[in-house]
Amino acid sequence: MDVYFSVVIPLYNKEAYVAKTLNSVLNQTYRNFEVIIVNDCSTDNSLDVVKAARDHRIKIIEHSENKGLSASRNTGINAATHLYIAFLDADDYWDSTYLETIRNLVKEYPEESVFATHYRENYNDKFFVPKSKLPSNTKVKSVVINDFFKINLGRLILTQSCIVVHKSVFKKTGYYNEDVTFAEDIDFYIRCFSDYNLAFHTQHLCTILCHDPNSITRNSNSKKIYPKLEEYLSGSDRQKKFINFYFYCFCQKLKGERKFEEMKILRKKIDLKFLNFTQRILLLSPLFVYRPVVVFKKILKSFGIELNSY
């Protein structure tokens, strides 16, 4: 029995990017798929760009009101006619062999339910491949990761644009949390990988656009609603460490936005034993110390050098 994919693309004001995104799907070497575009009340010409493609594999669903990224993904999941759901944000794109590679992963690891490949990032047309904690054995191209939280502490080896999930997973773990507008992917990963392994291919077959002004939350909501990760602290120590790391990241984000009261409330939830020395120092540092660190990291990034606290 062959593998069929439903490709879910949430769409909100991506007129400048969605044609490239859609073409990267339609030009896949593996052809057994449908494309579900969920238009979340775009106010630009994004929908016209999609309609111009005129491909019978494209199904368009329009929300009557703006609901956000998580709701758009959930709409796509419920509309999918195939068992394997592939997600792609409307400003990212796949290499032509992406679905073929995922299909081969499904065949190689038929007992698994979640699949992904590595990715590259596009910063102003400069491309970077994030470092991962996977063993650097170039002969091994695919692997099953049974400790997601260990491998993904710090830099994630996947994004929402290079993950494929069997439809049955959502019945067990739940759908995307529609009350969350920031880091909704982290909320889903914790629930998903508490129960499932990840079948992973080490090639970077997806490109993620960074620094797009419309991509800060990937939807139209200006107010960030963070996931309540403390609800998942009953898991393993590695899961707790993963969660505390994101508490730390959220605190630093709030600090940079001068939301000091919110930051202080969140900081009280952090168990410092799960942070390293550098993270503890940065967590407690005032904004006038922290901000130059962020600027310095961005400068290094422009030269292809990645500096981090993990």
C-alpha atoms as a PDB file:
ATOM      1  CA  MET A   1       0.000   0.000   0.000  1.00  0.00           C
ATOM      2  CA  ASP A   2       1.410   3.368  -0.998  1.00  0.00           C
ATOM      3  CA  VAL A   3       1.576   6.563   1.050  1.00  0.00           C
ATOM      4  CA  TYR A   4      -0.657   9.580   0.415  1.00  0.00           C
ATOM      5  CA  PHE A   5      -0.145  13.027   1.916  1.00  0.00           C
ATOM      6  CA  SER A   6      -2.405  15.944   2.740  1.00  0.00           C
ATOM      7  CA  VAL A   7      -0.278  19.100   2.659  1.00  0.00           C
ATOM      8  CA  VAL A   8      -1.727  21.782   4.949  1.00  0.00           C
ATOM      9  CA  ILE A   9      -0.675  25.380   4.257  1.00  0.00           C
ATOM     10  CA  PRO A  10      -2.088  28.076   6.589  1.00  0.00           C
ATOM     11  CA  LEU A  11      -2.319  31.365   4.701  1.00  0.00           C
ATOM     12  CA  TYR A  12      -2.333  34.886   6.082  1.00  0.00           C
ATOM     13  CA  ASN A  13      -0.916  37.823   4.100  1.00  0.00           C
ATOM     14  CA  LYS A  14       1.879  35.987   2.305  1.00  0.00           C
ATOM     15  CA  GLU A  15       1.333  37.458  -1.160  1.00  0.00           C
ATOM     16  CA  ALA A  16       5.067  37.902  -1.743  1.00  0.00           C
ATOM     17  CA  TYR A  17       5.977  34.322  -0.818  1.00  0.00           C
ATOM     18  CA  VAL A  18       3.124  31.888  -1.323  1.00  0.00           C
ATOM     19  CA  ALA A  19       3.722  31.288  -5.050  1.00  0.00           C
ATOM     20  CA  LYS A  20       7.208  29.935  -4.349  1.00  0.00           C
ATOM     21  CA  THR A  21       5.856  27.894  -1.442  1.00  0.00           C
ATOM     22  CA  LEU A  22       3.067  26.392  -3.518  1.00  0.00           C
ATOM     23  CA  ASN A  23       5.309  25.668  -6.502  1.00  0.00           C
ATOM     24  CA  SER A  24       7.715  23.802  -4.240  1.00  0.00           C
ATOM     25  CA  VAL A  25       4.840  21.451  -3.381  1.00  0.00           C
ATOM     26  CA  LEU A  26       3.398  21.078  -6.870  1.00  0.00           C
ATOM     27  CA  ASN A  27       6.862  20.246  -8.251  1.00  0.00           C
ATOM     28  CA  GLN A  28       7.567  17.393  -5.842  1.00  0.00           C
ATOM     29  CA  THR A  29       9.040  14.240  -7.364  1.00  0.00           C
ATOM     30  CA  TYR A  30       6.524  12.232  -5.333  1.00  0.00           C
ATOM     31  CA  ARG A  31       3.041  12.948  -6.656  1.00  0.00           C
ATOM     32  CA  ASN A  32       0.564  11.298  -4.277  1.00  0.00           C
ATOM     33  CA  PHE A  33      -0.726  14.313  -2.405  1.00  0.00           C
ATOM     34  CA  GLU A  34      -3.425  16.928  -2.064  1.00  0.00           C
ATOM     35  CA  VAL A  35      -2.853  20.550  -1.002  1.00  0.00           C
ATOM     36  CA  ILE A  36      -5.160  22.214   1.517  1.00  0.00           C
ATOM     37  CA  ILE A  37      -4.844  25.998   1.676  1.00  0.00           C
ATOM     38  CA  VAL A  38      -6.533  27.502   4.740  1.00  0.00           C
ATOM     39  CA  ASN A  39      -6.994  31.223   4.136  1.00  0.00           C
ATOM     40  CA  ASP A  40      -7.246  32.952   7.512  1.00  0.00           C
ATOM     41  CA  CYS A  41      -8.869  36.153   6.192  1.00  0.00           C
ATOM     42  CA  SER A  42      -5.855  37.520   4.349  1.00  0.00           C
ATOM     43  CA  THR A  43      -6.129  41.230   3.568  1.00  0.00           C
ATOM     44  CA  ASP A  44      -3.634  41.219   0.688  1.00  0.00           C
ATOM     45  CA  ASN A  45      -3.691  39.311  -2.626  1.00  0.00           C
ATOM     46  CA  SER A  46      -2.448  36.007  -1.189  1.00  0.00           C
ATOM     47  CA  LEU A  47      -5.611  34.144  -2.144  1.00  0.00           C
ATOM     48  CA  ASP A  48      -5.500  35.429  -5.738  1.00  0.00           C
ATOM     49  CA  VAL A  49      -1.944  34.120  -6.058  1.00  0.00           C
ATOM     50  CA  VAL A  50      -3.090  30.677  -4.906  1.00  0.00           C
ATOM     51  CA  LYS A  51      -6.099  30.634  -7.242  1.00  0.00           C
ATOM     52  CA  ALA A  52      -3.848  31.500 -10.179  1.00  0.00           C
ATOM     53  CA  ALA A  53      -2.113  28.133  -9.789  1.00  0.00           C
ATOM     54  CA  ARG A  54      -5.214  26.345 -11.154  1.00  0.00           C
ATOM     55  CA  ASP A  55      -4.182  22.875 -10.043  1.00  0.00           C
ATOM     56  CA  HIS A  56      -6.813  20.218  -9.335  1.00  0.00           C
ATOM     57  CA  ARG A  57      -4.852  19.016  -6.295  1.00  0.00           C
ATOM     58  CA  ILE A  58      -5.415  22.325  -4.495  1.00  0.00           C
ATOM     59  CA  LYS A  59      -8.341  22.663  -2.108  1.00  0.00           C
ATOM     60  CA  ILE A  60      -9.041  26.128  -0.659  1.00  0.00           C
ATOM     61  CA  ILE A  61     -10.807  26.638   2.666  1.00  0.00           C
ATOM     62  CA  GLU A  62     -11.660  30.156   3.836  1.00  0.00           C
ATOM     63  CA  HIS A  63     -12.206  31.160   7.444  1.00  0.00           C
ATOM     64  CA  SER A  64     -15.061  33.603   7.993  1.00  0.00           C
ATOM     65  CA  GLU A  65     -12.973  35.379  10.634  1.00  0.00           C
ATOM     66  CA  ASN A  66      -9.303  35.509  11.512  1.00  0.00           C
ATOM     67  CA  LYS A  67      -8.626  32.617  13.895  1.00  0.00           C
ATOM     68  CA  GLY A  68      -4.848  32.354  14.000  1.00  0.00           C
ATOM     69  CA  LEU A  69      -2.228  29.831  12.990  1.00  0.00           C
ATOM     70  CA  SER A  70      -3.220  26.957  15.265  1.00  0.00           C
ATOM     71  CA  ALA A  71      -6.861  27.098  14.197  1.00  0.00           C
ATOM     72  CA  SER A  72      -5.803  27.184  10.539  1.00  0.00           C
ATOM     73  CA  ARG A  73      -3.710  24.056  10.994  1.00  0.00           C
ATOM     74  CA  ASN A  74      -6.580  22.344  12.792  1.00  0.00           C
ATOM     75  CA  THR A  75      -8.968  23.251   9.979  1.00  0.00           C
ATOM     76  CA  GLY A  76      -6.552  21.667   7.522  1.00  0.00           C
ATOM     77  CA  ILE A  77      -6.193  18.514   9.614  1.00  0.00           C
ATOM     78  CA  ASN A  78      -9.957  18.046   9.775  1.00  0.00           C
ATOM     79  CA  ALA A  79     -10.311  18.601   6.029  1.00  0.00           C
ATOM     80  CA  ALA A  80      -7.531  16.165   5.106  1.00  0.00           C
ATOM     81  CA  THR A  81      -8.585  13.082   3.154  1.00  0.00           C
ATOM     82  CA  HIS A  82      -5.263  11.253   3.594  1.00  0.00           C
ATOM     83  CA  LEU A  83      -3.647   9.748   6.694  1.00  0.00           C
ATOM     84  CA  TYR A  84      -0.311  11.568   6.580  1.00  0.00           C
ATOM     85  CA  ILE A  85      -0.531  15.303   7.271  1.00  0.00           C
ATOM     86  CA  ALA A  86       2.389  17.430   6.052  1.00  0.00           C
ATOM     87  CA  PHE A  87       2.578  21.022   7.264  1.00  0.00           C
ATOM     88  CA  LEU A  88       4.159  23.920   5.399  1.00  0.00           C
ATOM     89  CA  ASP A  89       4.029  27.604   6.312  1.00  0.00           C
ATOM     90  CA  ALA A  90       3.175  29.903   3.416  1.00  0.00           C
ATOM     91  CA  ASP A  91       6.587  31.597   3.317  1.00  0.00           C
ATOM     92  CA  ASP A  92       8.734  28.451   3.541  1.00  0.00           C
ATOM     93  CA  TYR A  93       9.467  25.928   0.800  1.00  0.00           C
ATOM     94  CA  TRP A  94      10.578  22.343   0.209  1.00  0.00           C
ATOM     95  CA  ASP A  95      13.279  20.807  -1.940  1.00  0.00           C
ATOM     96  CA  SER A  96      11.737  18.744  -4.736  1.00  0.00           C
ATOM     97  CA  THR A  97      12.528  15.409  -3.028  1.00  0.00           C
ATOM     98  CA  TYR A  98      11.021  16.282   0.368  1.00  0.00           C
ATOM     99  CA  LEU A  99       7.828  14.198   0.124  1.00  0.00           C
ATOM    100  CA  GLU A 100       9.685  11.344  -1.561  1.00  0.00           C
ATOM    101  CA  THR A 101      12.121  11.293   1.363  1.00  0.00           C
ATOM    102  CA  ILE A 102       9.288  11.293   3.902  1.00  0.00           C
ATOM    103  CA  ARG A 103       7.550   8.522   1.966  1.00  0.00           C
ATOM    104  CA  ASN A 104      10.746   6.458   2.178  1.00  0.00           C
ATOM    105  CA  LEU A 105      10.907   7.120   5.936  1.00  0.00           C
ATOM    106  CA  VAL A 106       7.348   5.844   6.300  1.00  0.00           C
ATOM    107  CA  LYS A 107       8.289   2.688   4.405  1.00  0.00           C
ATOM    108  CA  GLU A 108      11.504   2.244   6.404  1.00  0.00           C
ATOM    109  CA  TYR A 109       9.847   2.802   9.790  1.00  0.00           C
ATOM    110  CA  PRO A 110       6.214   1.694   9.348  1.00  0.00           C
ATOM    111  CA  GLU A 111       5.672   1.455  13.109  1.00  0.00           C
ATOM    112  CA  GLU A 112       6.353   5.198  13.576  1.00  0.00           C
ATOM    113  CA  SER A 113       3.784   7.985  13.275  1.00  0.00           C
ATOM    114  CA  VAL A 114       5.795  11.235  13.174  1.00  0.00           C
ATOM    115  CA  PHE A 115       8.397  12.043  10.510  1.00  0.00           C
ATOM    116  CA  ALA A 116      10.671  14.969   9.684  1.00  0.00           C
ATOM    117  CA  THR A 117      13.774  16.129   7.855  1.00  0.00           C
ATOM    118  CA  HIS A 118      16.364  18.712   8.815  1.00  0.00           C
ATOM    119  CA  TYR A 119      16.102  22.261   7.450  1.00  0.00           C
ATOM    120  CA  ARG A 120      18.063  25.364   6.509  1.00  0.00           C
ATOM    121  CA  GLU A 121      17.319  28.975   7.458  1.00  0.00           C
ATOM    122  CA  ASN A 122      17.219  31.939   5.091  1.00  0.00           C
ATOM    123  CA  TYR A 123      18.378  35.166   6.743  1.00  0.00           C
ATOM    124  CA  ASN A 124      18.175  37.889   4.093  1.00  0.00           C
ATOM    125  CA  ASP A 125      19.278  35.430   1.376  1.00  0.00           C
ATOM    126  CA  LYS A 126      22.077  34.018   3.507  1.00  0.00           C
ATOM    127  CA  PHE A 127      21.526  30.350   4.240  1.00  0.00           C
ATOM    128  CA  PHE A 128      22.443  28.546   7.449  1.00  0.00           C
ATOM    129  CA  VAL A 129      21.946  24.961   8.577  1.00  0.00           C
ATOM    130  CA  PRO A 130      21.360  24.846  12.351  1.00  0.00           C
ATOM    131  CA  LYS A 131      23.665  22.560  14.264  1.00  0.00           C
ATOM    132  CA  SER A 132      22.051  19.531  15.842  1.00  0.00           C
ATOM    133  CA  LYS A 133      22.937  17.216  18.695  1.00  0.00           C
ATOM    134  CA  LEU A 134      22.668  14.142  16.508  1.00  0.00           C
ATOM    135  CA  PRO A 135      25.858  12.061  16.118  1.00  0.00           C
ATOM    136  CA  SER A 136      27.887  13.412  13.203  1.00  0.00           C
ATOM    137  CA  ASN A 137      27.991  10.116  11.309  1.00  0.00           C
ATOM    138  CA  THR A 138      27.578  11.134   7.680  1.00  0.00           C
ATOM    139  CA  LYS A 139      26.837   7.548   6.620  1.00  0.00           C
ATOM    140  CA  VAL A 140      23.617   7.501   8.638  1.00  0.00           C
ATOM    141  CA  LYS A 141      20.896   9.432   6.817  1.00  0.00           C
ATOM    142  CA  SER A 142      17.846   8.291   8.769  1.00  0.00           C
ATOM    143  CA  VAL A 143      17.286   7.507  12.422  1.00  0.00           C
ATOM    144  CA  VAL A 144      14.497   7.012  14.950  1.00  0.00           C
ATOM    145  CA  ILE A 145      14.782   9.469  17.829  1.00  0.00           C
ATOM    146  CA  ASN A 146      13.198   8.073  20.971  1.00  0.00           C
ATOM    147  CA  ASP A 147      14.345  10.905  23.247  1.00  0.00           C
ATOM    148  CA  PHE A 148      13.124  14.025  21.492  1.00  0.00           C
ATOM    149  CA  PHE A 149      13.689  16.292  24.499  1.00  0.00           C
ATOM    150  CA  LYS A 150      17.379  15.418  24.812  1.00  0.00           C
ATOM    151  CA  ILE A 151      18.192  15.901  21.131  1.00  0.00           C
ATOM    152  CA  ASN A 152      16.154  19.104  20.853  1.00  0.00           C
ATOM    153  CA  LEU A 153      17.342  20.919  23.953  1.00  0.00           C
ATOM    154  CA  GLY A 154      18.367  24.260  22.500  1.00  0.00           C
ATOM    155  CA  ARG A 155      18.258  24.159  18.718  1.00  0.00           C
ATOM    156  CA  LEU A 156      15.310  22.192  17.346  1.00  0.00           C
ATOM    157  CA  ILE A 157      16.140  19.745  14.571  1.00  0.00           C
ATOM    158  CA  LEU A 158      12.743  20.299  12.959  1.00  0.00           C
ATOM    159  CA  THR A 159      10.167  23.018  12.363  1.00  0.00           C
ATOM    160  CA  GLN A 160       6.476  22.957  11.571  1.00  0.00           C
ATOM    161  CA  SER A 161       7.337  23.165   7.877  1.00  0.00           C
ATOM    162  CA  CYS A 162       9.272  19.891   7.806  1.00  0.00           C
ATOM    163  CA  ILE A 163       7.123  17.623   9.978  1.00  0.00           C
ATOM    164  CA  VAL A 164       4.612  14.995   8.837  1.00  0.00           C
ATOM    165  CA  VAL A 165       2.159  13.537  11.333  1.00  0.00           C
ATOM    166  CA  HIS A 166      -0.133  10.536  11.002  1.00  0.00           C
ATOM    167  CA  LYS A 167      -3.721  11.629  11.536  1.00  0.00           C
ATOM    168  CA  SER A 168      -4.181   9.201  14.435  1.00  0.00           C
ATOM    169  CA  VAL A 169      -1.635  11.156  16.507  1.00  0.00           C
ATOM    170  CA  PHE A 170      -4.012  14.085  16.936  1.00  0.00           C
ATOM    171  CA  LYS A 171      -6.695  11.827  18.388  1.00  0.00           C
ATOM    172  CA  LYS A 172      -4.296  10.813  21.150  1.00  0.00           C
ATOM    173  CA  THR A 173      -2.330  14.007  21.840  1.00  0.00           C
ATOM    174  CA  GLY A 174      -4.909  16.607  20.861  1.00  0.00           C
ATOM    175  CA  TYR A 175      -4.802  19.242  18.149  1.00  0.00           C
ATOM    176  CA  TYR A 176      -2.900  22.537  18.090  1.00  0.00           C
ATOM    177  CA  ASN A 177      -3.847  24.775  21.000  1.00  0.00           C
ATOM    178  CA  GLU A 178      -5.943  27.578  19.530  1.00  0.00           C
ATOM    179  CA  ASP A 179      -5.585  29.684  22.682  1.00  0.00           C
ATOM    180  CA  VAL A 180      -1.839  30.026  22.060  1.00  0.00           C
ATOM    181  CA  THR A 181      -0.416  32.548  19.570  1.00  0.00           C
ATOM    182  CA  PHE A 182       3.312  32.202  20.268  1.00  0.00           C
ATOM    183  CA  ALA A 183       5.416  29.016  20.436  1.00  0.00           C
ATOM    184  CA  GLU A 184       2.366  26.891  19.690  1.00  0.00           C
ATOM    185  CA  ASP A 185       4.748  24.416  18.064  1.00  0.00           C
ATOM    186  CA  ILE A 186       6.552  23.867  21.392  1.00  0.00           C
ATOM    187  CA  ASP A 187       3.241  23.154  23.098  1.00  0.00           C
ATOM    188  CA  PHE A 188       2.430  20.544  20.444  1.00  0.00           C
ATOM    189  CA  TYR A 189       5.896  18.959  20.499  1.00  0.00           C
ATOM    190  CA  ILE A 190       5.719  18.354  24.244  1.00  0.00           C
ATOM    191  CA  ARG A 191       2.384  16.576  23.969  1.00  0.00           C
ATOM    192  CA  CYS A 192       3.328  14.692  20.818  1.00  0.00           C
ATOM    193  CA  PHE A 193       6.799  13.473  21.741  1.00  0.00           C
ATOM    194  CA  SER A 194       5.783  12.448  25.231  1.00  0.00           C
ATOM    195  CA  ASP A 195       4.039   9.555  23.453  1.00  0.00           C
ATOM    196  CA  TYR A 196       5.724   9.184  20.057  1.00  0.00           C
ATOM    197  CA  ASN A 197       9.181   8.753  18.555  1.00  0.00           C
ATOM    198  CA  LEU A 198      10.444  10.835  15.642  1.00  0.00           C
ATOM    199  CA  ALA A 199      11.599   9.158  12.428  1.00  0.00           C
ATOM    200  CA  PHE A 200      14.129  11.650  11.107  1.00  0.00           C
ATOM    201  CA  HIS A 201      16.137  12.176   7.919  1.00  0.00           C
ATOM    202  CA  THR A 202      19.310  14.199   8.343  1.00  0.00           C
ATOM    203  CA  GLN A 203      19.229  15.992   4.978  1.00  0.00           C
ATOM    204  CA  HIS A 204      17.991  19.593   5.068  1.00  0.00           C
ATOM    205  CA  LEU A 205      15.146  19.488   2.562  1.00  0.00           C
ATOM    206  CA  CYS A 206      13.162  22.498   3.766  1.00  0.00           C
ATOM    207  CA  THR A 207      13.996  26.210   3.804  1.00  0.00           C
ATOM    208  CA  ILE A 208      12.631  28.459   6.542  1.00  0.00           C
ATOM    209  CA  LEU A 209      12.315  32.181   5.892  1.00  0.00           C
ATOM    210  CA  CYS A 210      13.497  34.250   8.855  1.00  0.00           C
ATOM    211  CA  HIS A 211      13.035  37.962   9.565  1.00  0.00           C
ATOM    212  CA  ASP A 212       9.786  38.298   7.644  1.00  0.00           C
ATOM    213  CA  PRO A 213       7.783  41.026   9.457  1.00  0.00           C
ATOM    214  CA  ASN A 214       4.604  38.962   9.114  1.00  0.00           C
ATOM    215  CA  SER A 215       6.224  35.848  10.585  1.00  0.00           C
ATOM    216  CA  ILE A 216       6.898  36.884  14.171  1.00  0.00           C
ATOM    217  CA  THR A 217       3.896  34.857  15.295  1.00  0.00           C
ATOM    218  CA  ARG A 218       2.984  33.543  11.825  1.00  0.00           C
ATOM    219  CA  ASN A 219      -0.502  35.030  12.182  1.00  0.00           C
ATOM    220  CA  SER A 220      -2.226  38.386  12.532  1.00  0.00           C
ATOM    221  CA  ASN A 221      -2.326  38.502  16.316  1.00  0.00           C
ATOM    222  CA  SER A 222      -0.112  41.244  17.732  1.00  0.00           C
ATOM    223  CA  LYS A 223      -0.523  40.086  21.329  1.00  0.00           C
ATOM    224  CA  LYS A 224       1.529  37.031  22.186  1.00  0.00           C
ATOM    225  CA  ILE A 225      -0.232  34.380  24.229  1.00  0.00           C
ATOM    226  CA  TYR A 226       2.375  31.940  25.510  1.00  0.00           C
ATOM    227  CA  PRO A 227       1.664  28.236  26.099  1.00  0.00           C
ATOM    228  CA  LYS A 228       1.223  27.131  29.699  1.00  0.00           C
ATOM    229  CA  LEU A 229       4.115  24.703  29.676  1.00  0.00           C
ATOM    230  CA  GLU A 230       3.907  24.210  33.447  1.00  0.00           C
ATOM    231  CA  GLU A 231       0.986  21.875  32.732  1.00  0.00           C
ATOM    232  CA  TYR A 232       3.508  19.347  31.373  1.00  0.00           C
ATOM    233  CA  LEU A 233       6.008  19.345  34.246  1.00  0.00           C
ATOM    234  CA  SER A 234       4.943  15.906  35.456  1.00  0.00           C
ATOM    235  CA  GLY A 235       7.064  14.221  32.779  1.00  0.00           C
ATOM    236  CA  SER A 236      10.665  13.002  32.797  1.00  0.00           C
ATOM    237  CA  ASP A 237      13.604  15.124  33.950  1.00  0.00           C
ATOM    238  CA  ARG A 238      14.624  15.605  30.310  1.00  0.00           C
ATOM    239  CA  GLN A 239      11.146  16.890  29.540  1.00  0.00           C
ATOM    240  CA  LYS A 240      11.337  19.199  32.569  1.00  0.00           C
ATOM    241  CA  LYS A 241      14.712  20.494  31.381  1.00  0.00           C
ATOM    242  CA  PHE A 242      13.248  21.117  27.929  1.00  0.00           C
ATOM    243  CA  ILE A 243      10.318  23.031  29.445  1.00  0.00           C
ATOM    244  CA  ASN A 244      12.520  25.092  31.755  1.00  0.00           C
ATOM    245  CA  PHE A 245      14.712  26.007  28.806  1.00  0.00           C
ATOM    246  CA  TYR A 246      11.662  27.462  27.065  1.00  0.00           C
ATOM    247  CA  PHE A 247      10.608  29.262  30.242  1.00  0.00           C
ATOM    248  CA  TYR A 248      14.057  30.848  30.055  1.00  0.00           C
ATOM    249  CA  CYS A 249      13.608  31.720  26.349  1.00  0.00           C
ATOM    250  CA  PHE A 250      10.191  33.254  26.995  1.00  0.00           C
ATOM    251  CA  CYS A 251      11.602  35.333  29.863  1.00  0.00           C
ATOM    252  CA  GLN A 252      14.343  36.686  27.627  1.00  0.00           C
ATOM    253  CA  LYS A 253      11.779  37.487  24.943  1.00  0.00           C
ATOM    254  CA  LEU A 254       9.619  39.378  27.444  1.00  0.00           C
ATOM    255  CA  LYS A 255      12.678  41.198  28.778  1.00  0.00           C
ATOM    256  CA  GLY A 256      13.579  42.378  25.282  1.00  0.00           C
ATOM    257  CA  GLU A 257      10.021  43.658  24.837  1.00  0.00           C
ATOM    258  CA  ARG A 258      10.215  45.473  28.209  1.00  0.00           C
ATOM    259  CA  LYS A 259       7.352  43.412  29.625  1.00  0.00           C
ATOM    260  CA  PHE A 260       9.081  43.162  32.960  1.00  0.00           C
ATOM    261  CA  GLU A 261       6.085  42.249  35.119  1.00  0.00           C
ATOM    262  CA  GLU A 262       5.134  39.327  32.876  1.00  0.00           C
ATOM    263  CA  MET A 263       8.766  38.274  32.841  1.00  0.00           C
ATOM    264  CA  LYS A 264       8.990  38.276  36.649  1.00  0.00           C
ATOM    265  CA  ILE A 265       5.858  36.125  36.953  1.00  0.00           C
ATOM    266  CA  LEU A 266       7.213  33.599  34.461  1.00  0.00           C
ATOM    267  CA  ARG A 267      10.691  33.617  35.999  1.00  0.00           C
ATOM    268  CA  LYS A 268       9.235  32.332  39.273  1.00  0.00           C
ATOM    269  CA  LYS A 269       8.212  29.139  37.469  1.00  0.00           C
ATOM    270  CA  ILE A 270      11.788  28.289  36.478  1.00  0.00           C
ATOM    271  CA  ASP A 271      13.657  25.573  38.341  1.00  0.00           C
ATOM    272  CA  LEU A 272      17.227  26.866  38.110  1.00  0.00           C
ATOM    273  CA  LYS A 273      18.735  23.401  38.450  1.00  0.00           C
ATOM    274  CA  PHE A 274      17.640  22.758  34.864  1.00  0.00           C
ATOM    275  CA  LEU A 275      19.544  25.797  33.515  1.00  0.00           C
ATOM    276  CA  ASN A 276      23.270  25.988  32.900  1.00  0.00           C
ATOM    277  CA  PHE A 277      25.529  28.677  34.358  1.00  0.00           C
ATOM    278  CA  THR A 278      25.367  30.966  31.310  1.00  0.00           C
ATOM    279  CA  GLN A 279      21.586  30.785  31.185  1.00  0.00           C
ATOM    280  CA  ARG A 280      21.299  31.659  34.868  1.00  0.00           C
ATOM    281  CA  ILE A 281      23.516  34.714  34.414  1.00  0.00           C
ATOM    282  CA  LEU A 282      21.606  35.917  31.349  1.00  0.00           C
ATOM    283  CA  LEU A 283      18.261  35.268  33.020  1.00  0.00           C
ATOM    284  CA  LEU A 284      19.142  37.557  35.924  1.00  0.00           C
ATOM    285  CA  SER A 285      20.933  40.191  33.844  1.00  0.00           C
ATOM    286  CA  PRO A 286      19.225  43.572  33.358  1.00  0.00           C
ATOM    287  CA  LEU A 287      18.121  44.713  29.925  1.00  0.00           C
ATOM    288  CA  PHE A 288      21.093  47.053  29.414  1.00  0.00           C
ATOM    289  CA  VAL A 289      23.389  44.027  29.767  1.00  0.00           C
ATOM    290  CA  TYR A 290      21.238  41.547  27.862  1.00  0.00           C
ATOM    291  CA  ARG A 291      20.491  43.727  24.826  1.00  0.00           C
ATOM    292  CA  PRO A 292      24.149  44.123  23.682  1.00  0.00           C
ATOM    293  CA  VAL A 293      24.477  40.334  23.880  1.00  0.00           C
ATOM    294  CA  VAL A 294      21.533  39.964  21.499  1.00  0.00           C
ATOM    295  CA  VAL A 295      22.982  42.554  19.109  1.00  0.00           C
ATOM    296  CA  PHE A 296      26.370  40.829  19.175  1.00  0.00           C
ATOM    297  CA  LYS A 297      24.750  37.464  18.390  1.00  0.00           C
ATOM    298  CA  LYS A 298      22.960  38.991  15.388  1.00  0.00           C
ATOM    299  CA  ILE A 299      26.219  40.442  14.080  1.00  0.00           C
ATOM    300  CA  LEU A 300      27.914  37.059  14.371  1.00  0.00           C
ATOM    301  CA  LYS A 301      24.930  35.424  12.672  1.00  0.00           C
ATOM    302  CA  SER A 302      25.386  37.705   9.659  1.00  0.00           C
ATOM    303  CA  PHE A 303      28.870  36.172   9.273  1.00  0.00           C
ATOM    304  CA  GLY A 304      27.561  32.629   9.600  1.00  0.00           C
ATOM    305  CA  ILE A 305      28.628  32.210  13.233  1.00  0.00           C
ATOM    306  CA  GLU A 306      26.040  30.988  15.712  1.00  0.00           C
ATOM    307  CA  LEU A 307      26.535  31.817  19.390  1.00  0.00           C
ATOM    308  CA  ASN A 308      24.159  30.344  21.950  1.00  0.00           C
ATOM    309  CA  SER A 309      23.724  29.706  25.667  1.00  0.00           C
ATOM    310  CA  TYR A 310      23.195  25.945  25.428  1.00  0.00           C
END
